[in-house]
Amino acid sequence: MNDERHDRARQGGDGFVLRAVQGMAAFSREEWGKLGGASRTESGTAYNPFVSHDFLAALEESGCAVARTGWQAMHLRLEGADGALLGAAPCYLKSHSQGEYVFDHGWADAFERAGGSYYPKLQVSVPFTPATGPRLLARRDASGPAARAALAQGLKALTGRLGASSAHVTFAADDDIAALGEAGFLHRTDTQFHFRNEGYGSYDDFLATLSSRKRKALKRERREALAAGIEIDWLTGSDLTEAVWDAFFAFYMDTGGRKWGRPYLNRRFFSLVGERMADDIVLVMARRGGRHIAGAINFIGSDTLYGRNWGCIEDHPFLHFEVCYHQAIDFAIARGLKTVEAGAQGEHKLARGYRPVTTRSAHHIAHPALRDAVADYLSRERREVEMVGQYLDAHAPFRKG
């Protein structure tokens, strides 16, 4: 299944054509924009900027998600008999497990020790982006369930055709999880922390829902974060000049180099998304003494603000919390957005009003023995994730009753 070969899948008597293509260039921006969730212009589904053609193409064109970095594009196209695009899945053939945020290193190690080859594997995700969204994308005027079912089966067929050990669909939407479960994929859960805007008119309205002790602590934290004469700018649209991206990239590289050793995104990527998605981006930038010293990039969906990368060149107490979490809440309230997703992990977000939320992924394991071992592990892991989530929710800072 590649550019020259294709498989046919049938659902209810209707013929589909499935093709694997090696890059977003195989899709026009217009046809991709008709897929549910991939464009602001398509009504009826929540827009997710990370599955837009602009974002995925920028990752490839910048050289961030390409074969050289271990992310060989192998996207699925689901077509009708007339060649029209009915669905798609952003898919990558991978030689490692970096940049995914759903960790399977233990599975890989165990399989390798047993004499198997875990890599290459198939990864259905948005590279370097732990944000939930559609992964089996269906055109709005097509049959969504049938398209997702065909894509799920296509992923299994592509795994076999490529000789991959497995296929992993991470941070998937509920409709995708249902279709993948029907196709026999294993279900995995994890926890993130999201802010829910309950129709607040201001940050003070949100604070009023917290216990008195937590309310006072957050007020003090925000004051101290800005105590060194720091001011905050929200930069979006035409504010996103190349000079601004230069400053932000310096922050990103400093933090990324210290924390991960090798930042995933390069300078050209930020120029590309700044050029094509300026109205979908807000940079929260901290300024002191006439220059920016820290910043966080956020992407704006139809009802969600997605916090992504942060960095700084000066260390100040609580500045990270102010720029990444408190300002994101301020922006969501000002824009009437329902949710803030502040990235992976981070129980420290709980004290700042972000609640535990379950995230989901699905996994097809080709080798029967490895599949059985992973299925047993996931059964136990799901129970633990559920119990921890209940415990964390019970200890959220909100007033009881």
Protein backbone atom coordinates (compact mmCIF):
# COMPACT_ATOMS: atom_id res chain seq x y z
CA MET A 1 0.00 0.00 0.00
CA ASN A 2 1.94 3.06 -1.23
CA ASP A 3 1.75 5.67 -3.95
CA GLU A 4 1.63 3.04 -6.67
CA ARG A 5 -0.44 0.38 -4.90
CA HIS A 6 -3.77 0.55 -3.14
CA ASP A 7 -6.21 -1.70 -1.31
CA ARG A 8 -9.97 -1.62 -1.47
CA ALA A 9 -12.14 -1.75 1.64
CA ARG A 10 -15.89 -2.29 1.51
CA GLN A 11 -18.50 -1.11 3.99
CA GLY A 12 -22.17 -1.72 3.40
CA GLY A 13 -21.60 -2.46 -0.27
CA ASP A 14 -19.86 0.86 -1.00
CA GLY A 15 -16.36 0.68 -2.45
CA PHE A 16 -13.52 2.65 -0.88
CA VAL A 17 -9.99 3.01 -2.15
CA LEU A 18 -7.23 3.27 0.46
CA ARG A 19 -3.81 4.63 -0.47
CA ALA A 20 -0.75 5.41 1.61
CA VAL A 21 1.01 8.58 0.45
CA GLN A 22 4.38 9.95 1.50
CA GLY A 23 3.61 13.52 2.49
CA MET A 24 0.98 16.21 2.83
CA ALA A 25 1.77 17.32 -0.71
CA ALA A 26 -0.46 14.42 -1.83
CA PHE A 27 -3.46 16.38 -0.47
CA SER A 28 -4.63 19.75 -1.64
CA ARG A 29 -5.29 22.27 1.11
CA GLU A 30 -8.87 22.58 -0.12
CA GLU A 31 -9.73 18.86 -0.02
CA TRP A 32 -8.03 18.35 3.35
CA GLY A 33 -10.00 21.31 4.73
CA LYS A 34 -13.26 19.44 4.07
CA LEU A 35 -12.32 16.81 6.64
CA GLY A 36 -14.09 17.18 9.98
CA GLY A 37 -12.10 19.26 12.46
CA ALA A 38 -9.40 20.29 9.97
CA SER A 39 -10.72 23.74 9.06
CA ARG A 40 -12.60 26.62 10.65
CA THR A 41 -14.78 26.87 7.55
CA GLU A 42 -16.34 23.43 8.05
CA SER A 43 -19.33 23.81 10.38
CA GLY A 44 -20.52 21.06 12.68
CA THR A 45 -17.16 19.95 14.09
CA ALA A 46 -14.75 21.65 16.46
CA TYR A 47 -11.71 23.01 14.64
CA ASN A 48 -8.42 21.50 15.79
CA PRO A 49 -5.45 23.49 14.43
CA PHE A 50 -3.03 20.57 14.77
CA VAL A 51 -4.81 18.47 12.15
CA SER A 52 -5.03 21.37 9.71
CA HIS A 53 -3.18 21.05 6.42
CA ASP A 54 -1.10 24.11 7.34
CA PHE A 55 0.25 22.65 10.58
CA LEU A 56 1.02 19.15 9.29
CA ALA A 57 2.58 20.48 6.08
CA ALA A 58 4.75 22.92 8.07
CA LEU A 59 6.17 20.02 10.09
CA GLU A 60 7.20 18.30 6.88
CA GLU A 61 8.38 21.33 4.90
CA SER A 62 10.54 22.54 7.79
CA GLY A 63 12.25 19.16 8.06
CA CYS A 64 10.95 18.48 11.58
CA ALA A 65 8.79 15.45 10.72
CA VAL A 66 10.61 13.68 7.90
CA ALA A 67 12.40 10.37 7.35
CA ARG A 68 15.72 11.85 8.48
CA THR A 69 14.28 12.60 11.94
CA GLY A 70 12.56 9.21 12.17
CA TRP A 71 9.10 10.44 11.06
CA GLN A 72 8.54 9.11 7.53
CA ALA A 73 5.13 10.32 6.37
CA MET A 74 2.86 7.45 5.32
CA HIS A 75 -0.54 9.17 5.42
CA LEU A 76 -3.68 7.22 4.56
CA ARG A 77 -6.04 8.54 1.89
CA LEU A 78 -9.55 7.16 1.79
CA GLU A 79 -11.14 7.82 -1.59
CA GLY A 80 -14.44 7.14 -3.26
CA ALA A 81 -14.70 5.41 -6.59
CA ASP A 82 -14.41 8.82 -8.28
CA GLY A 83 -11.12 9.61 -6.49
CA ALA A 84 -12.66 12.19 -4.16
CA LEU A 85 -11.12 12.32 -0.69
CA LEU A 86 -13.53 10.88 1.90
CA GLY A 87 -11.15 10.50 4.83
CA ALA A 88 -7.52 10.49 5.93
CA ALA A 89 -5.20 9.66 8.80
CA PRO A 90 -1.91 11.45 9.55
CA CYS A 91 0.44 8.50 9.74
CA TYR A 92 4.20 8.06 10.11
CA LEU A 93 6.58 5.14 9.83
CA LYS A 94 8.87 5.50 12.85
CA SER A 95 12.28 4.18 13.82
CA HIS A 96 12.08 5.32 17.46
CA SER A 97 9.54 6.40 20.10
CA GLN A 98 10.55 10.03 20.66
CA GLY A 99 8.16 12.97 20.41
CA GLU A 100 4.99 10.96 21.07
CA TYR A 101 4.14 11.48 24.80
CA VAL A 102 2.46 8.06 25.03
CA PHE A 103 5.33 5.92 26.16
CA ASP A 104 5.95 2.44 24.74
CA HIS A 105 9.70 2.17 25.39
CA GLY A 106 9.08 -0.74 27.78
CA TRP A 107 7.16 -2.64 25.11
CA ALA A 108 9.98 -2.07 22.62
CA ASP A 109 12.66 -3.21 25.08
CA ALA A 110 10.75 -6.36 26.01
CA PHE A 111 10.13 -7.32 22.39
CA GLU A 112 13.75 -6.69 21.41
CA ARG A 113 15.00 -8.82 24.33
CA ALA A 114 12.71 -11.62 23.16
CA GLY A 115 14.29 -11.49 19.71
CA GLY A 116 11.69 -9.38 17.94
CA SER A 117 12.05 -6.10 16.02
CA TYR A 118 9.75 -3.39 17.41
CA TYR A 119 10.86 -0.81 14.86
CA PRO A 120 9.69 0.24 12.40
CA LYS A 121 6.26 0.95 13.82
CA LEU A 122 3.34 2.98 12.50
CA GLN A 123 2.38 6.11 14.43
CA VAL A 124 -0.95 7.90 13.84
CA SER A 125 -0.58 11.23 15.56
CA VAL A 126 0.42 14.86 15.26
CA PRO A 127 4.21 14.82 15.75
CA PHE A 128 5.49 16.39 18.99
CA THR A 129 1.96 17.40 20.01
CA PRO A 130 0.22 15.76 23.00
CA ALA A 131 -3.21 17.25 22.26
CA THR A 132 -6.40 15.24 21.76
CA GLY A 133 -8.04 15.56 18.37
CA PRO A 134 -9.40 13.61 15.40
CA ARG A 135 -7.02 11.02 13.98
CA LEU A 136 -9.36 9.16 11.61
CA LEU A 137 -10.59 12.21 9.75
CA ALA A 138 -13.78 11.89 7.72
CA ARG A 139 -15.32 14.34 5.30
CA ARG A 140 -18.39 16.02 6.73
CA ASP A 141 -20.67 14.99 3.87
CA ALA A 142 -19.39 11.40 3.85
CA SER A 143 -20.47 8.57 6.12
CA GLY A 144 -18.31 9.20 9.18
CA PRO A 145 -18.64 5.79 10.87
CA ALA A 146 -18.01 3.90 7.61
CA ALA A 147 -15.01 6.08 6.77
CA ARG A 148 -13.46 5.65 10.21
CA ALA A 149 -14.05 1.89 10.07
CA ALA A 150 -12.31 1.70 6.70
CA LEU A 151 -9.37 3.78 7.95
CA ALA A 152 -9.01 1.56 11.04
CA GLN A 153 -8.86 -1.55 8.90
CA GLY A 154 -6.51 0.23 6.52
CA LEU A 155 -4.07 0.90 9.35
CA LYS A 156 -3.91 -2.80 10.15
CA ALA A 157 -3.38 -3.66 6.47
CA LEU A 158 -0.69 -1.00 6.13
CA THR A 159 1.11 -2.31 9.22
CA GLY A 160 1.32 -5.74 7.63
CA ARG A 161 2.25 -4.41 4.20
CA LEU A 162 5.16 -2.40 5.63
CA GLY A 163 6.38 -5.17 7.92
CA ALA A 164 5.85 -2.93 10.95
CA SER A 165 5.42 -4.40 14.42
CA SER A 166 2.45 -2.28 15.40
CA ALA A 167 0.24 0.73 14.80
CA HIS A 168 -0.40 3.37 17.49
CA VAL A 169 -3.16 5.98 17.37
CA THR A 170 -2.45 8.48 20.13
CA PHE A 171 -4.46 11.31 21.72
CA ALA A 172 -7.46 10.16 19.72
CA ALA A 173 -11.03 11.48 19.85
CA ASP A 174 -13.81 9.30 21.24
CA ASP A 175 -15.29 8.50 17.80
CA ASP A 176 -11.89 7.24 16.69
CA ILE A 177 -11.43 5.11 19.80
CA ALA A 178 -14.81 3.46 19.16
CA ALA A 179 -13.92 2.64 15.54
CA LEU A 180 -10.48 1.36 16.47
CA GLY A 181 -11.92 -0.78 19.26
CA GLU A 182 -14.30 -2.38 16.75
CA ALA A 183 -11.26 -3.15 14.60
CA GLY A 184 -9.55 -4.93 17.50
CA PHE A 185 -7.13 -2.24 18.65
CA LEU A 186 -6.16 -2.24 22.33
CA HIS A 187 -7.33 0.70 24.46
CA ARG A 188 -4.94 2.76 26.58
CA THR A 189 -5.67 5.69 28.90
CA ASP A 190 -3.65 8.41 30.61
CA THR A 191 -4.28 11.70 32.41
CA GLN A 192 -3.81 15.34 31.47
CA PHE A 193 -4.94 18.50 33.22
CA HIS A 194 -7.35 20.87 31.47
CA PHE A 195 -9.04 24.10 32.55
CA ARG A 196 -12.79 24.26 31.98
CA ASN A 197 -14.34 27.67 31.45
CA GLU A 198 -17.72 27.58 33.20
CA GLY A 199 -18.83 30.83 31.60
CA TYR A 200 -16.59 33.02 33.74
CA GLY A 201 -16.63 36.74 33.05
CA SER A 202 -13.18 37.28 34.52
CA TYR A 203 -10.30 35.53 36.28
CA ASP A 204 -11.79 36.77 39.57
CA ASP A 205 -15.00 34.88 38.77
CA PHE A 206 -12.91 31.73 38.40
CA LEU A 207 -11.06 32.45 41.67
CA ALA A 208 -14.39 32.71 43.46
CA THR A 209 -14.95 28.99 42.82
CA LEU A 210 -11.79 28.04 44.73
CA SER A 211 -11.31 27.49 48.43
CA SER A 212 -10.20 30.59 50.33
CA ARG A 213 -6.69 29.27 50.94
CA LYS A 214 -6.12 28.37 47.29
CA ARG A 215 -7.58 31.68 46.14
CA LYS A 216 -5.13 33.65 48.27
CA ALA A 217 -2.21 31.47 47.17
CA LEU A 218 -2.89 32.06 43.46
CA LYS A 219 -3.31 35.83 43.92
CA ARG A 220 0.04 35.96 45.72
CA GLU A 221 1.68 33.77 43.07
CA ARG A 222 0.53 36.03 40.25
CA ARG A 223 1.73 39.17 42.06
CA GLU A 224 5.16 37.68 42.73
CA ALA A 225 5.54 36.44 39.13
CA LEU A 226 5.42 40.05 37.89
CA ALA A 227 7.17 41.68 40.88
CA ALA A 228 10.41 42.35 38.97
CA GLY A 229 8.71 44.86 36.69
CA ILE A 230 7.58 42.19 34.24
CA GLU A 231 4.70 42.91 31.84
CA ILE A 232 2.76 40.47 29.68
CA ASP A 233 1.97 40.79 25.97
CA TRP A 234 -0.48 38.70 23.96
CA LEU A 235 0.82 38.59 20.38
CA THR A 236 -1.30 37.19 17.56
CA GLY A 237 -2.02 37.81 13.89
CA SER A 238 0.12 40.59 12.44
CA ASP A 239 1.98 40.93 15.77
CA LEU A 240 3.89 37.75 14.92
CA THR A 241 6.87 39.26 13.13
CA GLU A 242 10.10 37.44 12.37
CA ALA A 243 11.77 39.41 15.18
CA VAL A 244 9.19 38.08 17.61
CA TRP A 245 9.78 34.53 16.36
CA ASP A 246 13.53 35.04 16.79
CA ALA A 247 12.97 35.95 20.43
CA PHE A 248 10.60 33.08 21.09
CA PHE A 249 12.87 30.57 19.38
CA ALA A 250 15.73 31.58 21.68
CA PHE A 251 13.47 30.81 24.66
CA TYR A 252 12.38 27.51 23.15
CA MET A 253 15.93 26.38 22.41
CA ASP A 254 17.20 27.29 25.86
CA THR A 255 14.50 25.34 27.69
CA GLY A 256 14.36 22.51 25.16
CA GLY A 257 18.12 22.04 25.25
CA ARG A 258 18.23 21.86 29.03
CA LYS A 259 15.16 19.67 29.50
CA TRP A 260 15.18 17.27 26.55
CA GLY A 261 18.67 17.59 25.09
CA ARG A 262 17.35 17.96 21.51
CA PRO A 263 14.43 20.28 20.75
CA TYR A 264 12.11 18.80 18.13
CA LEU A 265 11.11 21.98 16.28
CA ASN A 266 13.40 24.21 14.21
CA ARG A 267 13.32 27.91 13.45
CA ARG A 268 11.79 27.47 9.98
CA PHE A 269 8.78 25.67 11.44
CA PHE A 270 7.83 28.73 13.48
CA SER A 271 8.15 30.99 10.44
CA LEU A 272 5.87 28.69 8.42
CA VAL A 273 3.11 28.47 11.01
CA GLY A 274 3.47 32.18 11.71
CA GLU A 275 2.93 32.90 8.03
CA ARG A 276 0.03 30.48 7.50
CA MET A 277 -1.68 30.26 10.90
CA ALA A 278 -1.09 33.67 12.51
CA ASP A 279 -4.72 34.05 13.58
CA ASP A 280 -4.63 30.58 15.16
CA ILE A 281 -1.66 31.43 17.38
CA VAL A 282 -1.20 33.54 20.48
CA LEU A 283 2.25 34.03 21.95
CA VAL A 284 2.14 34.98 25.62
CA MET A 285 5.37 36.94 26.04
CA ALA A 286 6.87 38.30 29.25
CA ARG A 287 8.67 41.62 28.88
CA ARG A 288 11.14 43.29 31.28
CA GLY A 289 13.29 46.35 30.69
CA GLY A 290 12.06 46.77 27.14
CA ARG A 291 12.83 43.25 25.91
CA HIS A 292 11.06 39.91 25.95
CA ILE A 293 12.55 37.42 28.40
CA ALA A 294 10.10 34.48 28.27
CA GLY A 295 7.20 33.20 26.26
CA ALA A 296 4.73 30.40 25.56
CA ILE A 297 3.10 29.46 22.27
CA ASN A 298 -0.59 28.59 22.22
CA PHE A 299 -2.78 27.46 19.33
CA ILE A 300 -6.42 28.54 19.15
CA GLY A 301 -9.14 26.07 18.18
CA SER A 302 -12.84 26.81 17.80
CA ASP A 303 -13.49 26.21 21.50
CA THR A 304 -10.09 25.28 22.98
CA LEU A 305 -6.78 26.98 23.67
CA TYR A 306 -3.87 24.55 23.31
CA GLY A 307 -0.75 25.43 25.27
CA ARG A 308 2.37 23.99 23.68
CA ASN A 309 5.96 25.17 24.16
CA TRP A 310 7.51 27.49 26.72
CA GLY A 311 10.95 28.97 27.25
CA CYS A 312 12.83 31.76 29.02
CA ILE A 313 16.21 33.46 29.15
CA GLU A 314 15.74 34.85 32.67
CA ASP A 315 14.55 32.91 35.71
CA HIS A 316 11.92 34.56 37.91
CA PRO A 317 9.81 32.90 40.62
CA PHE A 318 6.43 31.68 39.36
CA LEU A 319 6.92 33.21 35.89
CA HIS A 320 6.43 29.83 34.21
CA PHE A 321 3.07 29.38 35.95
CA GLU A 322 1.98 32.91 35.05
CA VAL A 323 2.91 32.71 31.36
CA CYS A 324 1.76 29.14 30.72
CA TYR A 325 -1.29 28.63 32.96
CA HIS A 326 -2.74 31.82 34.45
CA GLN A 327 -2.46 33.85 31.25
CA ALA A 328 -3.96 30.96 29.27
CA ILE A 329 -6.99 31.09 31.56
CA ASP A 330 -7.21 34.87 31.12
CA PHE A 331 -7.10 34.48 27.32
CA ALA A 332 -9.69 31.68 27.26
CA ILE A 333 -12.09 33.72 29.37
CA ALA A 334 -11.55 36.83 27.22
CA ARG A 335 -12.17 34.86 24.00
CA GLY A 336 -15.03 32.74 25.38
CA LEU A 337 -13.13 29.48 24.83
CA LYS A 338 -14.47 26.47 26.74
CA THR A 339 -11.21 24.68 27.51
CA VAL A 340 -7.48 25.16 28.00
CA GLU A 341 -5.31 22.12 27.28
CA ALA A 342 -1.93 22.83 28.82
CA GLY A 343 0.06 19.89 27.46
CA ALA A 344 1.23 16.58 28.87
CA GLN A 345 1.71 15.59 32.51
CA GLY A 346 2.05 18.12 35.33
CA GLU A 347 0.15 17.52 38.57
CA HIS A 348 1.22 21.03 39.60
CA LYS A 349 -1.51 22.26 37.23
CA LEU A 350 -4.17 20.91 39.61
CA ALA A 351 -3.52 23.63 42.20
CA ARG A 352 -3.98 26.23 39.46
CA GLY A 353 -7.49 25.16 38.52
CA TYR A 354 -6.74 22.55 35.87
CA ARG A 355 -8.77 19.37 36.37
CA PRO A 356 -7.70 15.78 35.56
CA VAL A 357 -9.01 14.57 32.19
CA THR A 358 -8.61 11.12 30.65
CA THR A 359 -6.77 10.91 27.33
CA ARG A 360 -7.02 7.87 25.07
CA SER A 361 -4.96 5.95 22.55
CA ALA A 362 -5.39 2.72 20.60
CA HIS A 363 -2.79 0.12 19.66
CA HIS A 364 -2.63 -2.67 17.10
CA ILE A 365 0.10 -5.21 17.96
CA ALA A 366 0.83 -7.69 15.18
CA HIS A 367 2.74 -10.32 17.18
CA PRO A 368 0.25 -12.46 19.18
CA ALA A 369 2.46 -12.98 22.25
CA LEU A 370 3.41 -9.31 22.46
CA ARG A 371 -0.23 -8.35 21.99
CA ASP A 372 -1.29 -10.59 24.90
CA ALA A 373 1.38 -9.14 27.16
CA VAL A 374 0.48 -5.56 26.25
CA ALA A 375 -3.26 -6.25 26.68
CA ASP A 376 -2.66 -7.57 30.20
CA TYR A 377 -0.52 -4.54 31.06
CA LEU A 378 -3.09 -2.08 29.69
CA SER A 379 -5.92 -3.68 31.65
CA ARG A 380 -4.05 -3.01 34.88
CA GLU A 381 -2.88 0.43 33.77
CA ARG A 382 -6.44 1.58 32.94
CA ARG A 383 -7.61 0.70 36.44
CA GLU A 384 -4.70 2.62 37.97
CA VAL A 385 -5.31 5.67 35.75
CA GLU A 386 -8.98 5.68 36.76
CA MET A 387 -8.20 5.46 40.49
CA VAL A 388 -5.54 8.18 40.32
CA GLY A 389 -7.90 10.41 38.34
CA GLN A 390 -10.62 10.04 40.96
CA TYR A 391 -8.15 10.82 43.74
CA LEU A 392 -6.86 13.92 41.97
CA ASP A 393 -10.35 15.18 41.17
CA ALA A 394 -11.30 14.81 44.84
CA HIS A 395 -8.30 16.99 45.79
CA ALA A 396 -8.94 19.77 43.27
CA PRO A 397 -8.79 23.27 44.81
CA PHE A 398 -12.47 24.05 44.23
CA ARG A 399 -14.88 24.83 47.04
CA LYS A 400 -16.87 21.82 48.13
CA GLY A 401 -20.54 21.85 47.28
